[in-house]
Amino acid sequence: MSAATITSITLATAMTAYELFSAAFSVPRDPRSPAYKQGVLAALKFRIEGRRILKPYEAGTAEDDAYYAGIAEGHAIWRRTQAESAGAA
């Protein structure tokens, strides 16, 4: 593993799931439901802390759809952070 790769991994994982979540939702943006936000945080915790992503809602409900949309954003936030960290190295 190269030094640049190690540096980018270190920079990205130095931020906690809560810090990335707060950064994403502390700027003006479209409002999101609690289930959506829960999904974002679940994905970030999975990426950073290795926590399993739970399935808290019944399939086919609006909450379940919002939760999984939030998971998609959480993964996107993580990938963007990784890319930005790699660019900073």
Foldseek 3Di string as FASTA:
>chain_A
DDPLLVQLVCQLLVDALVRLLCVVPVDDDDDADPLLSQLLSLLRCCVRVVDDRDQPDDPPDPSSVSSVNSVVVNVVSSVVSSVVSSVVD
